[in-house]
């Protein structure tokens, strides 16, 4: 315990920097990325238009979606929100630890 009190500022700075880096890495890791380039999107749209104009005479009936689709979509959105809140909390705690480590405290000598 004495080691902690002796090196309190270094411990808090280390934990704070670790939490900040962890929050930023998690943010960039979880950030969505474009899957297709603009040229690939244009080629896919062109192929879709050509297939539609090409005379496909069959009509497809839209089958009703299950409630499980709505539930899974809601679950994905909830998990995204939870991950975003976790990242924010980790970064705030990291900044708090780093800020607290720079506060000067009066030396108590008993």
PDB file of N, CA and C in Angstrom:
ATOM      1  N   UNK A   1       0.812  -1.186   0.000  1.00  0.00           N
ATOM      2  CA  UNK A   1       0.000   0.000   0.000  1.00  0.00           C
ATOM      3  C   UNK A   1       0.863   1.261   0.000  1.00  0.00           C
ATOM      4  N   UNK A   2       2.009   1.161   0.663  1.00  0.00           N
ATOM      5  CA  UNK A   2       2.898   2.313   0.689  1.00  0.00           C
ATOM      6  C   UNK A   2       3.436   2.622  -0.705  1.00  0.00           C
ATOM      7  N   UNK A   3       3.657   1.566  -1.482  1.00  0.00           N
ATOM      8  CA  UNK A   3       4.142   1.767  -2.847  1.00  0.00           C
ATOM      9  C   UNK A   3       3.145   2.589  -3.649  1.00  0.00           C
ATOM     10  N   UNK A   4       1.840   2.282  -3.466  1.00  0.00           N
ATOM     11  CA  UNK A   4       0.798   3.014  -4.182  1.00  0.00           C
ATOM     12  C   UNK A   4       0.796   4.482  -3.777  1.00  0.00           C
ATOM     13  N   UNK A   5       0.858   4.743  -2.484  1.00  0.00           N
ATOM     14  CA  UNK A   5       0.826   6.129  -2.033  1.00  0.00           C
ATOM     15  C   UNK A   5       2.101   6.877  -2.432  1.00  0.00           C
ATOM     16  N   UNK A   6       3.214   6.161  -2.483  1.00  0.00           N
ATOM     17  CA  UNK A   6       4.465   6.799  -2.848  1.00  0.00           C
ATOM     18  C   UNK A   6       4.483   7.179  -4.329  1.00  0.00           C
ATOM     19  N   UNK A   7       3.922   6.313  -5.173  1.00  0.00           N
ATOM     20  CA  UNK A   7       3.929   6.542  -6.621  1.00  0.00           C
ATOM     21  C   UNK A   7       2.520   6.782  -7.147  1.00  0.00           C
ATOM     22  N   UNK A   8       1.713   7.470  -6.392  1.00  0.00           N
ATOM     23  CA  UNK A   8       0.309   7.678  -6.743  1.00  0.00           C
ATOM     24  C   UNK A   8       0.161   8.451  -8.055  1.00  0.00           C
ATOM     25  N   UNK A   9       0.927   9.476  -8.254  1.00  0.00           N
ATOM     26  CA  UNK A   9       0.795  10.284  -9.470  1.00  0.00           C
ATOM     27  C   UNK A   9       1.158   9.468 -10.710  1.00  0.00           C
ATOM     28  N   UNK A  10       2.212   8.687 -10.618  1.00  0.00           N
ATOM     29  CA  UNK A  10       2.631   7.878 -11.761  1.00  0.00           C
ATOM     30  C   UNK A  10       1.588   6.807 -12.068  1.00  0.00           C
ATOM     31  N   UNK A  11       1.024   6.201 -11.034  1.00  0.00           N
ATOM     32  CA  UNK A  11       0.006   5.164 -11.229  1.00  0.00           C
ATOM     33  C   UNK A  11      -1.228   5.763 -11.886  1.00  0.00           C
ATOM     34  N   UNK A  12      -1.695   6.901 -11.385  1.00  0.00           N
ATOM     35  CA  UNK A  12      -2.876   7.529 -11.967  1.00  0.00           C
ATOM     36  C   UNK A  12      -2.624   7.976 -13.405  1.00  0.00           C
ATOM     37  N   UNK A  13      -1.442   8.503 -13.691  1.00  0.00           N
ATOM     38  CA  UNK A  13      -1.138   8.908 -15.068  1.00  0.00           C
ATOM     39  C   UNK A  13      -1.095   7.697 -15.988  1.00  0.00           C
ATOM     40  N   UNK A  14      -0.484   6.623 -15.515  1.00  0.00           N
ATOM     41  CA  UNK A  14      -0.396   5.406 -16.338  1.00  0.00           C
ATOM     42  C   UNK A  14      -1.778   4.833 -16.624  1.00  0.00           C
ATOM     43  N   UNK A  15      -2.609   4.745 -15.603  1.00  0.00           N
ATOM     44  CA  UNK A  15      -3.964   4.218 -15.791  1.00  0.00           C
ATOM     45  C   UNK A  15      -4.772   5.147 -16.690  1.00  0.00           C
ATOM     46  N   UNK A  16      -4.622   6.451 -16.508  1.00  0.00           N
ATOM     47  CA  UNK A  16      -5.345   7.411 -17.327  1.00  0.00           C
ATOM     48  C   UNK A  16      -4.955   7.340 -18.788  1.00  0.00           C
ATOM     49  N   UNK A  17      -3.666   7.269 -19.061  1.00  0.00           N
ATOM     50  CA  UNK A  17      -3.208   7.172 -20.445  1.00  0.00           C
ATOM     51  C   UNK A  17      -3.666   5.853 -21.053  1.00  0.00           C
ATOM     52  N   UNK A  18      -3.588   4.777 -20.284  1.00  0.00           N
ATOM     53  CA  UNK A  18      -4.054   3.484 -20.779  1.00  0.00           C
ATOM     54  C   UNK A  18      -5.537   3.532 -21.140  1.00  0.00           C
ATOM     55  N   UNK A  19      -6.359   4.129 -20.282  1.00  0.00           N
ATOM     56  CA  UNK A  19      -7.796   4.210 -20.562  1.00  0.00           C
ATOM     57  C   UNK A  19      -8.086   5.102 -21.769  1.00  0.00           C
ATOM     58  N   UNK A  20      -7.358   6.198 -21.906  1.00  0.00           N
ATOM     59  CA  UNK A  20      -7.555   7.062 -23.074  1.00  0.00           C
ATOM     60  C   UNK A  20      -7.192   6.337 -24.367  1.00  0.00           C
ATOM     61  N   UNK A  21      -6.062   5.655 -24.361  1.00  0.00           N
ATOM     62  CA  UNK A  21      -5.646   4.916 -25.552  1.00  0.00           C
ATOM     63  C   UNK A  21      -6.634   3.795 -25.840  1.00  0.00           C
ATOM     64  N   UNK A  22      -7.083   3.096 -24.804  1.00  0.00           N
ATOM     65  CA  UNK A  22      -8.056   2.020 -24.985  1.00  0.00           C
ATOM     66  C   UNK A  22      -9.356   2.551 -25.579  1.00  0.00           C
ATOM     67  N   UNK A  23      -9.835   3.699 -25.097  1.00  0.00           N
ATOM     68  CA  UNK A  23     -11.053   4.293 -25.638  1.00  0.00           C
ATOM     69  C   UNK A  23     -10.903   4.706 -27.097  1.00  0.00           C
ATOM     70  N   UNK A  24      -9.776   5.317 -27.442  1.00  0.00           N
ATOM     71  CA  UNK A  24      -9.561   5.739 -28.826  1.00  0.00           C
ATOM     72  C   UNK A  24      -9.408   4.541 -29.764  1.00  0.00           C
ATOM     73  N   UNK A  25      -8.691   3.514 -29.329  1.00  0.00           N
ATOM     74  CA  UNK A  25      -8.531   2.318 -30.160  1.00  0.00           C
ATOM     75  C   UNK A  25      -9.875   1.646 -30.373  1.00  0.00           C
ATOM     76  N   UNK A  26     -10.665   1.555 -29.317  1.00  0.00           N
ATOM     77  CA  UNK A  26     -11.994   0.953 -29.437  1.00  0.00           C
ATOM     78  C   UNK A  26     -12.875   1.771 -30.366  1.00  0.00           C
ATOM     79  N   UNK A  27     -12.774   3.092 -30.304  1.00  0.00           N
ATOM     80  CA  UNK A  27     -13.573   3.946 -31.175  1.00  0.00           C
ATOM     81  C   UNK A  27     -13.234   3.707 -32.643  1.00  0.00           C
ATOM     82  N   UNK A  28     -11.945   3.705 -32.966  1.00  0.00           N
ATOM     83  CA  UNK A  28     -11.563   3.532 -34.359  1.00  0.00           C
ATOM     84  C   UNK A  28     -11.752   2.100 -34.833  1.00  0.00           C
ATOM     85  N   UNK A  29     -11.692   1.139 -33.922  1.00  0.00           N
ATOM     86  CA  UNK A  29     -11.919  -0.252 -34.292  1.00  0.00           C
ATOM     87  C   UNK A  29     -13.397  -0.488 -34.582  1.00  0.00           C
ATOM     88  N   UNK A  30     -14.274   0.170 -33.831  1.00  0.00           N
ATOM     89  CA  UNK A  30     -15.709  -0.048 -33.980  1.00  0.00           C
ATOM     90  C   UNK A  30     -16.336   0.878 -35.017  1.00  0.00           C
ATOM     91  N   UNK A  31     -15.590   1.849 -35.516  1.00  0.00           N
ATOM     92  CA  UNK A  31     -16.144   2.781 -36.493  1.00  0.00           C
ATOM     93  C   UNK A  31     -16.442   2.046 -37.799  1.00  0.00           C
ATOM     94  N   UNK A  32     -17.611   2.282 -38.377  1.00  0.00           N
ATOM     95  CA  UNK A  32     -17.935   1.597 -39.632  1.00  0.00           C
ATOM     96  C   UNK A  32     -17.062   2.099 -40.772  1.00  0.00           C
ATOM     97  N   UNK A  33     -16.763   1.191 -41.673  1.00  0.00           N
ATOM     98  CA  UNK A  33     -15.943   1.538 -42.827  1.00  0.00           C
ATOM     99  C   UNK A  33     -16.737   1.260 -44.091  1.00  0.00           C
ATOM    100  N   UNK A  34     -16.418   2.009 -45.145  1.00  0.00           N
ATOM    101  CA  UNK A  34     -17.082   1.771 -46.419  1.00  0.00           C
ATOM    102  C   UNK A  34     -16.633   0.434 -46.980  1.00  0.00           C
ATOM    103  N   UNK A  35     -17.604  -0.364 -47.381  1.00  0.00           N
ATOM    104  CA  UNK A  35     -17.290  -1.687 -47.895  1.00  0.00           C
ATOM    105  C   UNK A  35     -16.992  -1.624 -49.387  1.00  0.00           C
ATOM    106  N   UNK A  36     -17.714  -0.776 -50.083  1.00  0.00           N
ATOM    107  CA  UNK A  36     -17.556  -0.675 -51.528  1.00  0.00           C
ATOM    108  C   UNK A  36     -17.086   0.730 -51.893  1.00  0.00           C
ATOM    109  N   UNK A  37     -16.253   0.799 -52.923  1.00  0.00           N
ATOM    110  CA  UNK A  37     -15.832   2.101 -53.406  1.00  0.00           C
ATOM    111  C   UNK A  37     -16.946   2.682 -54.280  1.00  0.00           C
ATOM    112  N   UNK A  38     -16.776   3.926 -54.674  1.00  0.00           N
ATOM    113  CA  UNK A  38     -17.784   4.578 -55.504  1.00  0.00           C
ATOM    114  C   UNK A  38     -17.913   3.889 -56.870  1.00  0.00           C
ATOM    115  N   UNK A  39     -16.799   3.448 -57.428  1.00  0.00           N
ATOM    116  CA  UNK A  39     -16.849   2.759 -58.723  1.00  0.00           C
ATOM    117  C   UNK A  39     -17.587   1.423 -58.618  1.00  0.00           C
ATOM    118  N   UNK A  40     -17.350   0.701 -57.528  1.00  0.00           N
ATOM    119  CA  UNK A  40     -18.040  -0.576 -57.336  1.00  0.00           C
ATOM    120  C   UNK A  40     -19.542  -0.370 -57.147  1.00  0.00           C
ATOM    121  N   UNK A  41     -19.919   0.690 -56.436  1.00  0.00           N
ATOM    122  CA  UNK A  41     -21.346   1.001 -56.262  1.00  0.00           C
ATOM    123  C   UNK A  41     -21.993   1.345 -57.599  1.00  0.00           C
ATOM    124  N   UNK A  42     -21.280   2.145 -58.399  1.00  0.00           N
ATOM    125  CA  UNK A  42     -21.824   2.521 -59.704  1.00  0.00           C
ATOM    126  C   UNK A  42     -21.960   1.299 -60.603  1.00  0.00           C
ATOM    127  N   UNK A  43     -20.998   0.397 -60.567  1.00  0.00           N
ATOM    128  CA  UNK A  43     -21.077  -0.818 -61.382  1.00  0.00           C
ATOM    129  C   UNK A  43     -22.234  -1.706 -60.928  1.00  0.00           C
ATOM    130  N   UNK A  44     -22.443  -1.803 -59.617  1.00  0.00           N
ATOM    131  CA  UNK A  44     -23.553  -2.607 -59.109  1.00  0.00           C
ATOM    132  C   UNK A  44     -24.893  -1.994 -59.493  1.00  0.00           C
ATOM    133  N   UNK A  45     -24.996  -0.676 -59.435  1.00  0.00           N
ATOM    134  CA  UNK A  45     -26.239  -0.001 -59.835  1.00  0.00           C
ATOM    135  C   UNK A  45     -26.499  -0.183 -61.327  1.00  0.00           C
ATOM    136  N   UNK A  46     -25.459  -0.077 -62.125  1.00  0.00           N
ATOM    137  CA  UNK A  46     -25.601  -0.267 -63.562  1.00  0.00           C
ATOM    138  C   UNK A  46     -26.061  -1.691 -63.881  1.00  0.00           C
ATOM    139  N   UNK A  47     -25.482  -2.670 -63.225  1.00  0.00           N
ATOM    140  CA  UNK A  47     -25.885  -4.062 -63.449  1.00  0.00           C
ATOM    141  C   UNK A  47     -27.332  -4.278 -63.028  1.00  0.00           C
ATOM    142  N   UNK A  48     -27.745  -3.650 -61.958  1.00  0.00           N
ATOM    143  CA  UNK A  48     -29.128  -3.765 -61.492  1.00  0.00           C
ATOM    144  C   UNK A  48     -30.091  -3.139 -62.497  1.00  0.00           C
ATOM    145  N   UNK A  49     -29.721  -1.980 -63.030  1.00  0.00           N
ATOM    146  CA  UNK A  49     -30.576  -1.299 -64.009  1.00  0.00           C
ATOM    147  C   UNK A  49     -30.658  -2.121 -65.287  1.00  0.00           C
ATOM    148  N   UNK A  50     -29.520  -2.656 -65.745  1.00  0.00           N
ATOM    149  CA  UNK A  50     -29.520  -3.480 -66.948  1.00  0.00           C
ATOM    150  C   UNK A  50     -30.369  -4.736 -66.766  1.00  0.00           C
ATOM    151  N   UNK A  51     -30.317  -5.322 -65.588  1.00  0.00           N
ATOM    152  CA  UNK A  51     -31.129  -6.512 -65.336  1.00  0.00           C
ATOM    153  C   UNK A  51     -32.615  -6.156 -65.327  1.00  0.00           C
ATOM    154  N   UNK A  52     -32.955  -4.971 -64.822  1.00  0.00           N
ATOM    155  CA  UNK A  52     -34.354  -4.560 -64.778  1.00  0.00           C
ATOM    156  C   UNK A  52     -34.865  -4.239 -66.184  1.00  0.00           C
ATOM    157  N   UNK A  53     -34.040  -3.609 -67.007  1.00  0.00           N
ATOM    158  CA  UNK A  53     -34.440  -3.242 -68.356  1.00  0.00           C
ATOM    159  C   UNK A  53     -34.390  -4.452 -69.282  1.00  0.00           C
ATOM    160  N   UNK A  54     -33.567  -5.421 -68.955  1.00  0.00           N
ATOM    161  CA  UNK A  54     -33.369  -6.583 -69.803  1.00  0.00           C
ATOM    162  C   UNK A  54     -34.608  -7.425 -70.014  1.00  0.00           C
ATOM    163  N   UNK A  55     -35.676  -7.144 -69.372  1.00  0.00           N
ATOM    164  CA  UNK A  55     -36.924  -7.828 -69.643  1.00  0.00           C
ATOM    165  C   UNK A  55     -37.222  -8.980 -68.708  1.00  0.00           C
ATOM    166  N   UNK A  56     -36.788  -8.878 -67.494  1.00  0.00           N
ATOM    167  CA  UNK A  56     -37.180  -9.941 -66.576  1.00  0.00           C
ATOM    168  C   UNK A  56     -38.661  -9.750 -66.277  1.00  0.00           C
ATOM    169  N   UNK A  57     -39.452 -10.705 -66.701  1.00  0.00           N
ATOM    170  CA  UNK A  57     -40.906 -10.585 -66.601  1.00  0.00           C
ATOM    171  C   UNK A  57     -41.453 -11.258 -65.359  1.00  0.00           C
ATOM    172  N   UNK A  58     -40.621 -11.926 -64.621  1.00  0.00           N
ATOM    173  CA  UNK A  58     -41.126 -12.585 -63.420  1.00  0.00           C
ATOM    174  C   UNK A  58     -41.249 -11.560 -62.309  1.00  0.00           C
ATOM    175  N   UNK A  59     -42.304 -11.665 -61.578  1.00  0.00           N
ATOM    176  CA  UNK A  59     -42.500 -10.782 -60.436  1.00  0.00           C
ATOM    177  C   UNK A  59     -42.318 -11.597 -59.173  1.00  0.00           C
ATOM    178  N   UNK A  60     -41.684 -10.993 -58.249  1.00  0.00           N
ATOM    179  CA  UNK A  60     -41.445 -11.678 -56.984  1.00  0.00           C
ATOM    180  C   UNK A  60     -42.398 -11.127 -55.947  1.00  0.00           C
ATOM    181  N   UNK A  61     -42.958 -12.039 -55.182  1.00  0.00           N
ATOM    182  CA  UNK A  61     -43.831 -11.618 -54.090  1.00  0.00           C
ATOM    183  C   UNK A  61     -42.962 -11.332 -52.877  1.00  0.00           C
ATOM    184  N   UNK A  62     -43.268 -10.250 -52.255  1.00  0.00           N
ATOM    185  CA  UNK A  62     -42.526  -9.903 -51.052  1.00  0.00           C
ATOM    186  C   UNK A  62     -43.059 -10.752 -49.905  1.00  0.00           C
ATOM    187  N   UNK A  63     -42.173 -11.539 -49.315  1.00  0.00           N
ATOM    188  CA  UNK A  63     -42.624 -12.358 -48.203  1.00  0.00           C
ATOM    189  C   UNK A  63     -42.554 -11.534 -46.922  1.00  0.00           C
ATOM    190  N   UNK A  64     -43.487 -11.751 -46.047  1.00  0.00           N
ATOM    191  CA  UNK A  64     -43.505 -10.945 -44.818  1.00  0.00           C
ATOM    192  C   UNK A  64     -42.293 -11.270 -43.942  1.00  0.00           C
ATOM    193  N   UNK A  65     -41.808 -10.241 -43.274  1.00  0.00           N
ATOM    194  CA  UNK A  65     -40.655 -10.424 -42.405  1.00  0.00           C
ATOM    195  C   UNK A  65     -41.124 -10.878 -41.030  1.00  0.00           C
ATOM    196  N   UNK A  66     -40.312 -11.678 -40.430  1.00  0.00           N
ATOM    197  CA  UNK A  66     -40.627 -12.163 -39.094  1.00  0.00           C
ATOM    198  C   UNK A  66     -40.388 -11.073 -38.062  1.00  0.00           C
ATOM    199  N   UNK A  67     -40.933 -11.294 -36.896  1.00  0.00           N
ATOM    200  CA  UNK A  67     -40.653 -10.383 -35.787  1.00  0.00           C
ATOM    201  C   UNK A  67     -39.213 -10.526 -35.329  1.00  0.00           C
ATOM    202  N   UNK A  68     -38.603 -11.684 -35.612  1.00  0.00           N
ATOM    203  CA  UNK A  68     -37.218 -11.879 -35.198  1.00  0.00           C
ATOM    204  C   UNK A  68     -36.288 -10.902 -35.923  1.00  0.00           C
ATOM    205  N   UNK A  69     -36.646 -10.513 -37.141  1.00  0.00           N
ATOM    206  CA  UNK A  69     -35.829  -9.535 -37.863  1.00  0.00           C
ATOM    207  C   UNK A  69     -35.854  -8.192 -37.136  1.00  0.00           C
ATOM    208  N   UNK A  70     -37.027  -7.790 -36.678  1.00  0.00           N
ATOM    209  CA  UNK A  70     -37.144  -6.524 -35.956  1.00  0.00           C
ATOM    210  C   UNK A  70     -36.395  -6.593 -34.628  1.00  0.00           C
ATOM    211  N   UNK A  71     -36.490  -7.731 -33.962  1.00  0.00           N
ATOM    212  CA  UNK A  71     -35.825  -7.887 -32.668  1.00  0.00           C
ATOM    213  C   UNK A  71     -34.312  -7.874 -32.841  1.00  0.00           C
ATOM    214  N   UNK A  72     -33.804  -8.574 -33.848  1.00  0.00           N
ATOM    215  CA  UNK A  72     -32.354  -8.598 -34.049  1.00  0.00           C
ATOM    216  C   UNK A  72     -31.826  -7.229 -34.476  1.00  0.00           C
ATOM    217  N   UNK A  73     -32.608  -6.498 -35.271  1.00  0.00           N
ATOM    218  CA  UNK A  73     -32.183  -5.143 -35.660  1.00  0.00           C
ATOM    219  C   UNK A  73     -32.143  -4.231 -34.432  1.00  0.00           C
ATOM    220  N   UNK A  74     -33.138  -4.357 -33.570  1.00  0.00           N
ATOM    221  CA  UNK A  74     -33.155  -3.547 -32.351  1.00  0.00           C
ATOM    222  C   UNK A  74     -31.995  -3.934 -31.435  1.00  0.00           C
ATOM    223  N   UNK A  75     -31.678  -5.209 -31.386  1.00  0.00           N
ATOM    224  CA  UNK A  75     -30.565  -5.662 -30.556  1.00  0.00           C
ATOM    225  C   UNK A  75     -29.242  -5.121 -31.073  1.00  0.00           C
ATOM    226  N   UNK A  76     -29.052  -5.119 -32.392  1.00  0.00           N
ATOM    227  CA  UNK A  76     -27.825  -4.563 -32.964  1.00  0.00           C
ATOM    228  C   UNK A  76     -27.694  -3.076 -32.646  1.00  0.00           C
ATOM    229  N   UNK A  77     -28.784  -2.340 -32.770  1.00  0.00           N
ATOM    230  CA  UNK A  77     -28.738  -0.906 -32.469  1.00  0.00           C
ATOM    231  C   UNK A  77     -28.441  -0.664 -30.992  1.00  0.00           C
ATOM    232  N   UNK A  78     -29.040  -1.476 -30.123  1.00  0.00           N
ATOM    233  CA  UNK A  78     -28.786  -1.329 -28.692  1.00  0.00           C
ATOM    234  C   UNK A  78     -27.331  -1.612 -28.372  1.00  0.00           C
ATOM    235  N   UNK A  79     -26.751  -2.624 -28.986  1.00  0.00           N
ATOM    236  CA  UNK A  79     -25.341  -2.937 -28.744  1.00  0.00           C
ATOM    237  C   UNK A  79     -24.432  -1.836 -29.260  1.00  0.00           C
ATOM    238  N   UNK A  80     -24.779  -1.225 -30.374  1.00  0.00           N
ATOM    239  CA  UNK A  80     -23.983  -0.108 -30.884  1.00  0.00           C
ATOM    240  C   UNK A  80     -24.005   1.057 -29.898  1.00  0.00           C
ATOM    241  N   UNK A  81     -25.196   1.352 -29.356  1.00  0.00           N
ATOM    242  CA  UNK A  81     -25.312   2.432 -28.382  1.00  0.00           C
ATOM    243  C   UNK A  81     -24.533   2.115 -27.114  1.00  0.00           C
ATOM    244  N   UNK A  82     -24.596   0.861 -26.660  1.00  0.00           N
ATOM    245  CA  UNK A  82     -23.871   0.471 -25.456  1.00  0.00           C
ATOM    246  C   UNK A  82     -22.371   0.577 -25.663  1.00  0.00           C
ATOM    247  N   UNK A  83     -21.878   0.170 -26.819  1.00  0.00           N
ATOM    248  CA  UNK A  83     -20.453   0.263 -27.107  1.00  0.00           C
ATOM    249  C   UNK A  83     -20.013   1.723 -27.174  1.00  0.00           C
ATOM    250  N   UNK A  84     -20.840   2.567 -27.767  1.00  0.00           N
ATOM    251  CA  UNK A  84     -20.520   3.998 -27.839  1.00  0.00           C
ATOM    252  C   UNK A  84     -20.454   4.609 -26.435  1.00  0.00           C
ATOM    253  N   UNK A  85     -21.396   4.250 -25.578  1.00  0.00           N
ATOM    254  CA  UNK A  85     -21.389   4.773 -24.207  1.00  0.00           C
ATOM    255  C   UNK A  85     -20.188   4.245 -23.430  1.00  0.00           C
ATOM    256  N   UNK A  86     -19.828   2.987 -23.641  1.00  0.00           N
ATOM    257  CA  UNK A  86     -18.664   2.418 -22.966  1.00  0.00           C
ATOM    258  C   UNK A  86     -17.393   3.144 -23.386  1.00  0.00           C
ATOM    259  N   UNK A  87     -17.263   3.424 -24.677  1.00  0.00           N
ATOM    260  CA  UNK A  87     -16.090   4.151 -25.156  1.00  0.00           C
ATOM    261  C   UNK A  87     -16.017   5.539 -24.524  1.00  0.00           C
ATOM    262  N   UNK A  88     -17.152   6.223 -24.459  1.00  0.00           N
ATOM    263  CA  UNK A  88     -17.168   7.557 -23.849  1.00  0.00           C
ATOM    264  C   UNK A  88     -16.797   7.496 -22.375  1.00  0.00           C
ATOM    265  N   UNK A  89     -17.336   6.516 -21.663  1.00  0.00           N
ATOM    266  CA  UNK A  89     -17.028   6.396 -20.233  1.00  0.00           C
ATOM    267  C   UNK A  89     -15.553   6.098 -20.014  1.00  0.00           C
ATOM    268  N   UNK A  90     -14.971   5.225 -20.834  1.00  0.00           N
ATOM    269  CA  UNK A  90     -13.549   4.889 -20.689  1.00  0.00           C
ATOM    270  C   UNK A  90     -12.698   6.124 -20.938  1.00  0.00           C
ATOM    271  N   UNK A  91     -13.037   6.910 -21.965  1.00  0.00           N
ATOM    272  CA  UNK A  91     -12.250   8.112 -22.255  1.00  0.00           C
ATOM    273  C   UNK A  91     -12.409   9.161 -21.155  1.00  0.00           C
ATOM    274  N   UNK A  92     -13.613   9.306 -20.613  1.00  0.00           N
ATOM    275  CA  UNK A  92     -13.825  10.278 -19.530  1.00  0.00           C
ATOM    276  C   UNK A  92     -13.059   9.857 -18.281  1.00  0.00           C
ATOM    277  N   UNK A  93     -13.124   8.563 -17.937  1.00  0.00           N
ATOM    278  CA  UNK A  93     -12.373   8.100 -16.771  1.00  0.00           C
ATOM    279  C   UNK A  93     -10.870   8.249 -16.990  1.00  0.00           C
ATOM    280  N   UNK A  94     -10.397   7.987 -18.200  1.00  0.00           N
ATOM    281  CA  UNK A  94      -8.974   8.164 -18.494  1.00  0.00           C
ATOM    282  C   UNK A  94      -8.547   9.610 -18.338  1.00  0.00           C
ATOM    283  N   UNK A  95      -9.348  10.526 -18.879  1.00  0.00           N
ATOM    284  CA  UNK A  95      -9.033  11.954 -18.733  1.00  0.00           C
ATOM    285  C   UNK A  95      -9.102  12.365 -17.260  1.00  0.00           C
ATOM    286  N   UNK A  96     -10.049  11.796 -16.534  1.00  0.00           N
ATOM    287  CA  UNK A  96     -10.158  12.091 -15.100  1.00  0.00           C
ATOM    288  C   UNK A  96      -8.939  11.628 -14.327  1.00  0.00           C
ATOM    289  N   UNK A  97      -8.470  10.420 -14.608  1.00  0.00           N
ATOM    290  CA  UNK A  97      -7.275   9.919 -13.936  1.00  0.00           C
ATOM    291  C   UNK A  97      -6.054  10.762 -14.260  1.00  0.00           C
ATOM    292  N   UNK A  98      -5.887  11.126 -15.524  1.00  0.00           N
ATOM    293  CA  UNK A  98      -4.734  11.948 -15.905  1.00  0.00           C
ATOM    294  C   UNK A  98      -4.841  13.321 -15.249  1.00  0.00           C
ATOM    295  N   UNK A  99      -6.016  13.922 -15.271  1.00  0.00           N
ATOM    296  CA  UNK A  99      -6.194  15.233 -14.641  1.00  0.00           C
ATOM    297  C   UNK A  99      -5.968  15.180 -13.142  1.00  0.00           C
ATOM    298  N   UNK A 100      -6.456  14.134 -12.500  1.00  0.00           N
ATOM    299  CA  UNK A 100      -6.294  13.999 -11.047  1.00  0.00           C
ATOM    300  C   UNK A 100      -4.839  13.797 -10.665  1.00  0.00           C
ATOM    301  N   UNK A 101      -4.068  13.176 -11.544  1.00  0.00           N
ATOM    302  CA  UNK A 101      -2.663  12.923 -11.217  1.00  0.00           C
ATOM    303  C   UNK A 101      -1.844  14.212 -11.186  1.00  0.00           C
ATOM    304  N   UNK A 102      -2.327  15.271 -11.833  1.00  0.00           N
ATOM    305  CA  UNK A 102      -1.592  16.526 -11.852  1.00  0.00           C
ATOM    306  C   UNK A 102      -1.978  17.459 -10.706  1.00  0.00           C
ATOM    307  N   UNK A 103      -2.980  17.105  -9.927  1.00  0.00           N
ATOM    308  CA  UNK A 103      -3.348  17.935  -8.791  1.00  0.00           C
ATOM    309  C   UNK A 103      -2.307  17.795  -7.690  1.00  0.00           C
ATOM    310  N   UNK A 104      -1.905  18.908  -7.152  1.00  0.00           N
ATOM    311  CA  UNK A 104      -0.917  18.882  -6.060  1.00  0.00           C
ATOM    312  C   UNK A 104      -1.661  18.714  -4.745  1.00  0.00           C
ATOM    313  N   UNK A 105      -1.127  17.851  -3.933  1.00  0.00           N
ATOM    314  CA  UNK A 105      -1.735  17.647  -2.616  1.00  0.00           C
ATOM    315  C   UNK A 105      -0.704  18.059  -1.569  1.00  0.00           C
ATOM    316  N   UNK A 106      -1.201  18.572  -0.474  1.00  0.00           N
ATOM    317  CA  UNK A 106      -0.296  18.938   0.621  1.00  0.00           C
ATOM    318  C   UNK A 106       0.301  17.693   1.231  1.00  0.00           C
ATOM    319  N   UNK A 107       1.579  17.734   1.534  1.00  0.00           N
ATOM    320  CA  UNK A 107       2.228  16.585   2.149  1.00  0.00           C
ATOM    321  C   UNK A 107       1.838  16.513   3.611  1.00  0.00           C
ATOM    322  N   UNK A 108       1.334  15.363   3.973  1.00  0.00           N
ATOM    323  CA  UNK A 108       0.951  15.136   5.365  1.00  0.00           C
ATOM    324  C   UNK A 108       2.084  14.391   6.061  1.00  0.00           C
ATOM    325  N   UNK A 109       2.598  14.988   7.077  1.00  0.00           N
ATOM    326  CA  UNK A 109       3.653  14.316   7.845  1.00  0.00           C
ATOM    327  C   UNK A 109       3.154  14.130   9.256  1.00  0.00           C
ATOM    328  N   UNK A 110       3.015  12.865   9.612  1.00  0.00           N
ATOM    329  CA  UNK A 110       2.521  12.548  10.963  1.00  0.00           C
ATOM    330  C   UNK A 110       3.666  12.225  11.889  1.00  0.00           C
TER     331      UNK A 110
END
